[in-house]
Protein backbone atom coordinates (compact mmCIF):
# COMPACT_ATOMS: atom_id res chain seq x y z
CA MET A 1 -56.83 103.52 31.84
CA ARG A 2 -58.49 105.58 34.47
CA VAL A 3 -56.45 105.62 37.69
CA LEU A 4 -57.33 106.83 41.18
CA THR A 5 -54.18 107.48 43.22
CA LEU A 6 -54.19 108.16 46.95
CA SER A 7 -50.95 109.19 48.63
CA ASN A 8 -49.97 109.20 52.30
CA SER A 9 -47.26 111.79 51.48
CA PRO A 10 -47.66 115.46 50.60
CA LEU A 11 -47.89 116.06 46.86
CA ASP A 12 -44.85 118.32 46.89
CA ALA A 13 -42.24 117.86 44.16
CA SER A 14 -39.51 119.25 46.42
CA LEU A 15 -39.88 116.16 48.64
CA GLY A 16 -38.58 112.78 47.48
CA SER A 17 -41.89 110.94 47.83
CA GLY A 18 -43.90 113.77 46.32
CA TYR A 19 -41.51 114.00 43.38
CA VAL A 20 -42.00 110.29 42.62
CA ILE A 21 -45.80 110.30 42.98
CA LEU A 22 -46.26 113.38 40.82
CA GLY A 23 -43.82 112.03 38.25
CA TYR A 24 -45.82 108.84 37.73
CA ALA A 25 -49.12 110.71 37.60
CA ASP A 26 -47.79 113.19 35.04
CA GLY A 27 -46.13 110.43 33.01
CA LEU A 28 -49.30 108.35 32.77
CA ARG A 29 -51.33 111.42 31.83
CA ALA A 30 -48.84 112.16 29.06
CA ARG A 31 -49.54 108.65 27.69
CA GLY A 32 -53.26 109.47 27.48
CA HIS A 33 -54.40 107.91 30.75
CA GLU A 34 -56.61 109.73 33.23
CA VAL A 35 -55.21 110.04 36.75
CA ASP A 36 -57.14 111.45 39.70
CA LEU A 37 -54.65 112.22 42.46
CA LEU A 38 -55.53 112.74 46.14
CA GLY A 39 -53.09 113.78 48.85
CA PRO A 40 -53.64 113.93 52.62
CA PRO A 41 -55.49 117.29 52.61
CA ASP A 42 -58.02 115.84 50.13
CA TYR A 43 -59.13 112.86 52.24
CA GLU A 44 -57.70 113.02 55.76
CA PRO A 45 -60.24 113.90 58.48
CA LEU A 46 -59.09 116.74 60.75
CA HIS A 47 -56.14 117.36 58.46
CA GLY A 48 -53.56 119.50 60.20
CA LEU A 49 -54.08 117.88 63.58
CA ALA A 50 -50.72 116.33 64.44
CA ARG A 51 -52.06 113.36 66.41
CA GLY A 52 -53.25 110.00 65.11
CA ILE A 53 -52.11 110.55 61.53
CA ARG A 54 -51.97 106.86 60.65
CA TYR A 55 -55.50 106.31 61.97
CA LYS A 56 -56.79 109.37 60.14
CA GLN A 57 -55.14 108.34 56.91
CA ALA A 58 -56.45 104.77 57.12
CA LEU A 59 -60.02 106.01 57.66
CA GLY A 60 -59.70 108.82 55.13
CA MET A 61 -58.24 106.66 52.36
CA ALA A 62 -60.95 104.05 52.88
CA ALA A 63 -63.82 106.54 52.89
CA ALA A 64 -62.55 108.54 49.91
CA SER A 65 -61.78 105.53 47.72
CA VAL A 66 -65.07 103.74 48.48
CA ARG A 67 -67.05 106.91 47.70
CA ARG A 68 -65.19 107.40 44.42
CA VAL A 69 -65.66 103.81 43.32
CA ALA A 70 -69.37 103.95 44.15
CA ARG A 71 -69.98 106.84 41.77
CA GLU A 72 -67.22 106.60 39.15
CA ALA A 73 -65.59 103.85 37.07
CA TYR A 74 -61.87 103.29 37.57
CA ASP A 75 -59.51 100.71 36.12
CA VAL A 76 -56.78 101.01 38.76
CA LEU A 77 -56.82 102.11 42.38
CA GLU A 78 -53.25 102.92 43.35
CA PHE A 79 -52.27 103.49 46.99
CA TYR A 80 -49.03 104.91 48.38
CA GLY A 81 -48.53 103.96 52.02
CA GLY A 82 -49.31 101.10 54.37
CA GLU A 83 -52.16 103.22 55.78
CA ALA A 84 -54.22 101.97 52.81
CA TRP A 85 -54.77 98.61 54.56
CA LEU A 86 -58.41 99.38 55.41
CA ALA A 87 -59.21 100.70 51.93
CA ILE A 88 -57.63 97.62 50.35
CA SER A 89 -59.59 95.29 52.63
CA LEU A 90 -62.88 96.93 51.66
CA LEU A 91 -62.24 97.38 47.95
CA THR A 92 -60.99 93.87 47.27
CA ARG A 93 -64.27 92.55 48.70
CA VAL A 94 -66.42 94.39 46.15
CA PRO A 95 -68.40 91.66 44.28
CA GLY A 96 -67.53 91.36 40.61
CA ARG A 97 -65.08 94.24 40.75
CA ARG A 98 -63.45 95.30 37.50
CA PHE A 99 -60.71 97.47 38.99
CA LEU A 100 -57.18 96.60 40.04
CA VAL A 101 -55.94 97.43 43.56
CA VAL A 102 -52.21 98.19 43.75
CA CYS A 103 -49.83 99.15 46.55
CA HIS A 104 -47.30 101.47 44.92
CA SER A 105 -44.82 101.79 47.74
CA ASN A 106 -42.38 104.61 48.35
CA GLY A 107 -40.99 102.34 51.05
CA LEU A 108 -42.47 99.25 52.68
CA GLU A 109 -43.17 100.42 56.22
CA THR A 110 -42.91 96.86 57.53
CA HIS A 111 -39.39 96.55 56.13
CA CYS A 112 -38.31 99.85 57.67
CA ALA A 113 -39.84 98.89 61.03
CA GLN A 114 -38.02 95.55 61.06
CA VAL A 115 -34.69 97.21 60.32
CA MET A 116 -35.16 99.93 62.92
CA ARG A 117 -36.26 97.47 65.62
CA GLY A 118 -32.94 95.73 65.17
CA ALA A 119 -31.05 99.01 65.50
CA GLU A 120 -32.80 100.63 68.46
CA GLU A 121 -33.56 99.82 72.06
CA PRO A 122 -37.18 98.61 72.40
CA VAL A 123 -39.58 101.30 73.60
CA ALA A 124 -42.53 100.35 75.79
CA LEU A 125 -45.91 101.53 74.50
CA GLN A 126 -47.46 103.91 77.04
CA HIS A 127 -51.03 104.19 75.76
CA TRP A 128 -53.64 101.88 74.27
CA TYR A 129 -53.71 103.85 71.02
CA GLN A 130 -49.95 103.48 70.47
CA VAL A 131 -50.37 100.36 68.38
CA ARG A 132 -47.63 99.05 66.12
CA HIS A 133 -49.20 99.06 62.70
CA GLU A 134 -46.96 96.57 60.91
CA ALA A 135 -49.47 93.68 61.09
CA LEU A 136 -52.21 95.82 59.55
CA PHE A 137 -49.85 97.13 56.88
CA ALA A 138 -48.73 93.58 56.03
CA TRP A 139 -52.39 92.57 55.79
CA GLY A 140 -52.91 95.33 53.26
CA PHE A 141 -49.86 94.36 51.22
CA ARG A 142 -51.05 90.75 51.08
CA GLY A 143 -54.59 91.78 50.20
CA ALA A 144 -53.70 93.99 47.23
CA ASP A 145 -53.67 92.56 43.73
CA ALA A 146 -50.07 93.68 43.17
CA ILE A 147 -47.19 95.65 44.68
CA VAL A 148 -44.80 98.11 43.03
CA THR A 149 -41.61 99.00 44.91
CA VAL A 150 -39.03 101.66 44.10
CA ALA A 151 -36.03 99.33 44.29
CA GLN A 152 -35.20 95.63 44.22
CA TYR A 153 -34.25 95.96 47.90
CA ASP A 154 -37.91 96.29 48.97
CA ARG A 155 -39.14 93.81 46.34
CA ASP A 156 -36.86 91.13 47.79
CA TYR A 157 -38.30 91.81 51.24
CA ALA A 158 -41.90 91.59 49.96
CA LEU A 159 -41.16 88.23 48.37
CA ARG A 160 -39.39 86.92 51.49
CA ARG A 161 -42.43 87.86 53.56
CA GLY A 162 -44.78 86.18 51.09
CA TYR A 163 -46.83 89.31 50.45
CA LYS A 164 -47.37 88.32 46.80
CA THR A 165 -45.86 86.05 44.16
CA SER A 166 -42.95 87.13 41.98
CA ARG A 167 -45.39 87.90 39.13
CA GLN A 168 -47.32 90.24 41.39
CA VAL A 169 -44.40 92.35 42.65
CA ILE A 170 -42.27 94.56 40.43
CA ALA A 171 -39.46 96.97 41.27
CA ILE A 172 -38.88 100.16 39.29
CA ASP A 173 -35.87 102.27 40.22
CA ASN A 174 -36.84 105.88 40.79
CA PRO A 175 -36.04 107.98 37.73
CA LEU A 176 -33.93 111.10 38.09
CA PRO A 177 -35.13 114.57 37.10
CA GLU A 178 -34.10 115.38 33.54
CA ALA A 179 -31.98 118.23 34.91
CA PHE A 180 -29.70 115.66 36.61
CA LEU A 181 -29.01 113.54 33.53
CA GLY A 182 -26.21 114.03 31.02
CA LEU A 183 -24.49 116.72 33.07
CA GLN A 184 -21.05 117.95 32.11
CA VAL A 185 -19.10 117.31 35.29
CA ASP A 186 -15.53 117.83 36.41
CA PHE A 187 -14.35 114.77 38.33
CA GLU A 188 -11.46 116.67 39.87
CA ARG A 189 -12.98 117.96 43.08
CA GLY A 190 -11.97 119.86 46.17
CA PRO A 191 -11.69 118.07 49.55
CA VAL A 192 -15.39 118.04 50.44
CA ILE A 193 -17.57 115.26 51.88
CA GLY A 194 -21.30 115.87 51.46
CA TYR A 195 -24.42 114.56 53.15
CA CYS A 196 -27.91 115.40 51.89
CA GLY A 197 -31.01 114.45 53.84
CA SER A 198 -32.99 114.78 57.03
CA TRP A 199 -31.09 114.37 60.30
CA LEU A 200 -32.87 111.22 61.49
CA PRO A 201 -31.70 107.97 63.15
CA ARG A 202 -32.89 106.03 60.09
CA LYS A 203 -30.45 108.03 57.96
CA GLY A 204 -27.44 106.70 59.88
CA VAL A 205 -26.62 110.02 61.54
CA ASP A 206 -25.18 108.29 64.61
CA LEU A 207 -22.50 106.77 62.37
CA ILE A 208 -21.74 110.19 60.89
CA GLN A 209 -21.34 111.66 64.36
CA ARG A 210 -18.97 108.86 65.38
CA ASP A 211 -16.78 108.50 62.31
CA ILE A 212 -16.51 111.97 60.78
CA PRO A 213 -14.76 113.85 63.65
CA PRO A 214 -11.66 111.59 63.74
CA LEU A 215 -11.50 111.73 59.94
CA LEU A 216 -11.59 115.54 59.92
CA ARG A 217 -8.89 115.65 62.56
CA GLU A 218 -6.69 113.32 60.51
CA PHE A 219 -7.32 115.25 57.28
CA PRO A 220 -7.65 118.92 58.27
CA ALA A 221 -7.95 120.09 54.65
CA TRP A 222 -11.22 118.19 54.25
CA ARG A 223 -14.65 119.60 55.04
CA LEU A 224 -18.10 118.16 55.71
CA VAL A 225 -21.15 119.85 54.16
CA LEU A 226 -24.59 118.94 55.53
CA VAL A 227 -27.49 119.77 53.19
CA GLY A 228 -31.22 119.58 53.83
CA VAL A 229 -30.97 119.01 57.57
CA GLY A 230 -33.51 121.74 58.37
CA SER A 231 -33.40 125.14 60.01
CA GLY A 232 -33.44 123.69 63.51
CA PHE A 233 -30.19 121.79 63.07
CA ARG A 234 -27.22 122.97 65.15
CA ALA A 235 -23.86 121.40 64.30
CA GLU A 236 -22.51 122.12 67.80
CA GLU A 237 -25.15 119.80 69.27
CA HIS A 238 -23.83 116.85 67.24
CA PHE A 239 -20.10 117.39 66.69
CA PRO A 240 -17.11 118.26 68.90
CA ALA A 241 -16.04 121.90 69.02
CA ASP A 242 -12.60 121.28 67.49
CA VAL A 243 -14.02 120.09 64.13
CA LEU A 244 -16.85 122.65 63.81
CA PRO A 245 -14.74 124.98 61.61
CA GLN A 246 -14.60 122.15 59.04
CA ILE A 247 -18.40 121.67 58.97
CA SER A 248 -20.88 123.73 56.94
CA VAL A 249 -24.67 123.48 57.24
CA ILE A 250 -27.12 124.32 54.43
CA PRO A 251 -30.62 123.78 55.88
CA TYR A 252 -32.49 123.61 52.56
CA ALA A 253 -31.64 123.37 48.85
CA ASP A 254 -33.87 123.30 45.78
CA ARG A 255 -33.54 119.95 44.00
CA GLU A 256 -33.15 121.18 40.43
CA THR A 257 -31.04 124.30 40.99
CA ASP A 258 -29.02 124.70 44.18
CA LEU A 259 -28.76 120.98 44.91
CA ARG A 260 -27.03 120.15 41.63
CA SER A 261 -24.37 122.77 42.25
CA LEU A 262 -23.82 121.51 45.78
CA TYR A 263 -23.44 117.89 44.65
CA GLN A 264 -20.95 119.02 42.02
CA SER A 265 -18.83 120.56 44.76
CA PHE A 266 -18.61 117.26 46.70
CA ALA A 267 -15.74 114.87 46.04
CA ILE A 268 -17.51 112.21 48.11
CA ALA A 269 -21.20 111.81 49.01
CA ILE A 270 -22.23 109.71 52.00
CA VAL A 271 -25.54 107.85 52.43
CA PRO A 272 -25.04 105.71 55.57
CA SER A 273 -28.75 104.97 56.09
CA LEU A 274 -30.04 102.06 58.13
CA TYR A 275 -33.01 101.85 55.75
CA GLU A 276 -33.90 103.44 52.43
CA SER A 277 -36.63 102.37 50.05
CA PHE A 278 -34.58 103.94 47.26
CA GLY A 279 -32.42 106.81 48.46
CA LEU A 280 -32.77 109.46 45.78
CA SER A 281 -29.83 111.42 47.14
CA ALA A 282 -27.47 108.52 46.32
CA ALA A 283 -28.49 108.47 42.65
CA GLU A 284 -28.50 112.28 42.41
CA ALA A 285 -25.00 112.47 43.86
CA MET A 286 -23.72 109.87 41.40
CA ALA A 287 -25.31 111.78 38.51
CA CYS A 288 -23.37 114.86 39.63
CA GLY A 289 -20.01 113.08 39.65
CA CYS A 290 -19.60 112.27 43.35
CA ALA A 291 -17.93 109.11 44.58
CA LEU A 292 -20.61 107.41 46.70
CA VAL A 293 -20.09 105.78 50.09
CA ALA A 294 -23.28 104.06 51.19
CA THR A 295 -24.86 101.22 53.10
CA ARG A 296 -26.41 98.27 51.30
CA VAL A 297 -29.98 99.56 51.29
CA GLY A 298 -32.37 100.89 48.65
CA PHE A 299 -30.85 101.77 45.30
CA SER A 300 -27.33 101.44 46.71
CA ALA A 301 -27.91 97.76 47.47
CA GLY A 302 -27.71 97.14 43.72
CA ALA A 303 -24.41 98.99 43.27
CA ARG A 304 -21.16 97.12 42.63
CA ASP A 305 -18.91 97.49 45.63
CA GLY A 306 -15.59 99.03 44.69
CA GLU A 307 -16.84 99.91 41.20
CA ASP A 308 -20.01 102.07 41.28
CA ALA A 309 -19.66 102.88 44.98
CA LEU A 310 -17.97 101.87 48.20
CA LEU A 311 -20.50 99.91 50.22
CA LEU A 312 -20.37 99.47 53.99
CA HIS A 313 -20.84 95.87 55.10
CA GLU A 314 -22.58 97.09 58.25
CA PRO A 315 -23.61 100.61 59.35
CA VAL A 316 -21.30 100.48 62.36
CA SER A 317 -18.21 102.45 63.37
CA PRO A 318 -15.52 102.66 62.06
CA SER A 319 -16.80 101.41 58.68
CA LEU A 320 -17.64 104.90 57.39
CA TYR A 321 -14.28 106.24 58.56
CA GLY A 322 -12.45 103.40 56.79
CA ALA A 323 -14.30 103.82 53.49
CA LEU A 324 -13.77 107.58 53.44
CA LYS A 325 -10.09 107.26 54.34
CA SER A 326 -9.52 104.85 51.46
CA LEU A 327 -10.99 107.36 48.99
CA ILE A 328 -9.05 110.27 50.47
CA ASP A 329 -5.79 108.31 50.34
CA ASP A 330 -6.38 107.05 46.79
CA GLU A 331 -7.48 109.82 44.45
CA GLY A 332 -7.45 107.44 41.47
CA LEU A 333 -9.90 105.08 43.19
CA ARG A 334 -12.16 107.98 44.09
CA GLU A 335 -12.28 109.19 40.49
CA ARG A 336 -12.86 105.69 39.06
CA ILE A 337 -15.80 105.15 41.38
CA ALA A 338 -17.20 108.60 40.61
CA ARG A 339 -17.01 107.98 36.84
CA ALA A 340 -18.58 104.51 37.09
CA GLY A 341 -21.37 105.81 39.33
CA TYR A 342 -22.08 108.62 36.89
CA ARG A 343 -22.47 106.10 34.05
CA ARG A 344 -24.60 103.81 36.21
CA VAL A 345 -27.41 106.31 36.80
CA GLN A 346 -27.79 107.66 33.26
CA SER A 347 -30.40 104.93 32.62
CA LEU A 348 -32.78 106.22 35.32
CA LEU A 349 -35.24 107.74 32.84
CA TRP A 350 -38.87 108.68 33.44
CA ASP A 351 -39.98 107.45 30.02
CA ASP A 352 -38.66 103.95 30.76
CA ALA A 353 -40.30 103.87 34.20
CA ILE A 354 -43.68 104.93 32.78
CA THR A 355 -43.45 102.23 30.12
CA VAL A 356 -42.83 99.56 32.76
CA ILE A 357 -45.64 100.61 35.08
CA GLU A 358 -48.10 101.14 32.22
CA SER A 359 -47.39 97.66 30.88
CA ALA A 360 -47.65 96.08 34.34
CA TYR A 361 -50.98 97.75 35.13
CA LEU A 362 -52.50 96.78 31.78
CA CYS A 363 -51.29 93.19 32.17
CA TRP A 364 -52.50 92.82 35.76
CA LEU A 365 -55.82 94.44 34.89
CA ALA A 366 -56.38 92.07 31.95
CA GLU A 367 -55.61 89.06 34.17
CA LEU A 368 -57.98 90.29 36.89
CA ARG A 369 -60.83 90.83 34.45
CA ALA A 370 -60.24 87.51 32.70
CA ALA A 371 -60.39 85.74 36.07
CA GLU A 372 -63.57 87.61 37.02
CA SER A 373 -65.17 86.76 33.68
CA SER A 374 -64.39 83.07 34.24
CA VAL A 375 -66.09 83.24 37.63
CA ASP A 376 -69.15 84.89 36.06
CA ILE A 377 -69.37 82.16 33.42
CA ARG A 378 -69.18 79.42 36.03
CA ARG A 379 -71.89 81.11 38.10
CA SER A 380 -74.19 81.37 35.09
């Protein structure tokens, strides 16, 4: 196959989305397929200008993909991001096309928007250009030939919304880096709770701010470590002064070196997100022997509550406090969950993921071309 991939995310392996996109491109190339990969700097007009990114990406993806298709032959056009709606609309109208158009989602933006609208106060739009893009994104998802999601959680949403049929939507759990698999871990850990991720409302940080301080007061030997929150994060702006001595902040950590060591120092990892397409930090923490406390989103939605992880029924206080207290009070439960979670993620292999997506693309492409050939025969 020859594949043209356009991504709305930076092609940076240190970022979750970039890691996934580059992993699939490299995996398909290793199988002998040709993959041309374009990131925002390659197609986005006025790249670097902070305003109107979704508009620029929609126009840039459309222009770049149409130009490529006009001069080169591709079997699959693969788009990451709802901003591909315009490109999809144009490409699927090409008469007699022989190429497949796929939305390979690192997170269905419409799903995230629906979840966040239910969690936040509505904000009035101040300007004409502040358009909510969900309708356009949904149009693109429906117009594509197929959708690939990174967890069953988003696939279920796509099917509920009627974007495609069950045959046209597949879910492939994000594989873990090889460096995270088969680790020798010590399940006896010090009293540390860890959080890894950006400090954003979508990540459930309000729940952390509400539930962690009373927990630290009740268990003064325990600490909270915040990783990857960025250099601008100040713990004193989010937590009371009396618990600050029990909180450590590590603004950045390299995924395949520092991050593994940090995870292996956590007894418990928390992922209280309101929405995750997958939530790579949950799987990484499990692979490093942490007991996971998480909401029922992304990869964690498929975990077995009380076995692989402790799952919060709702991301509301004091649910996080209660789950953490149960693991602190019951060391045996914490270790059983940590061991089961470790076993659960050992199957997240890149080779398996590439096999699934390769087979799906070849199957969908054959069906598309067979249907187009039938149309040509009827016309003749």
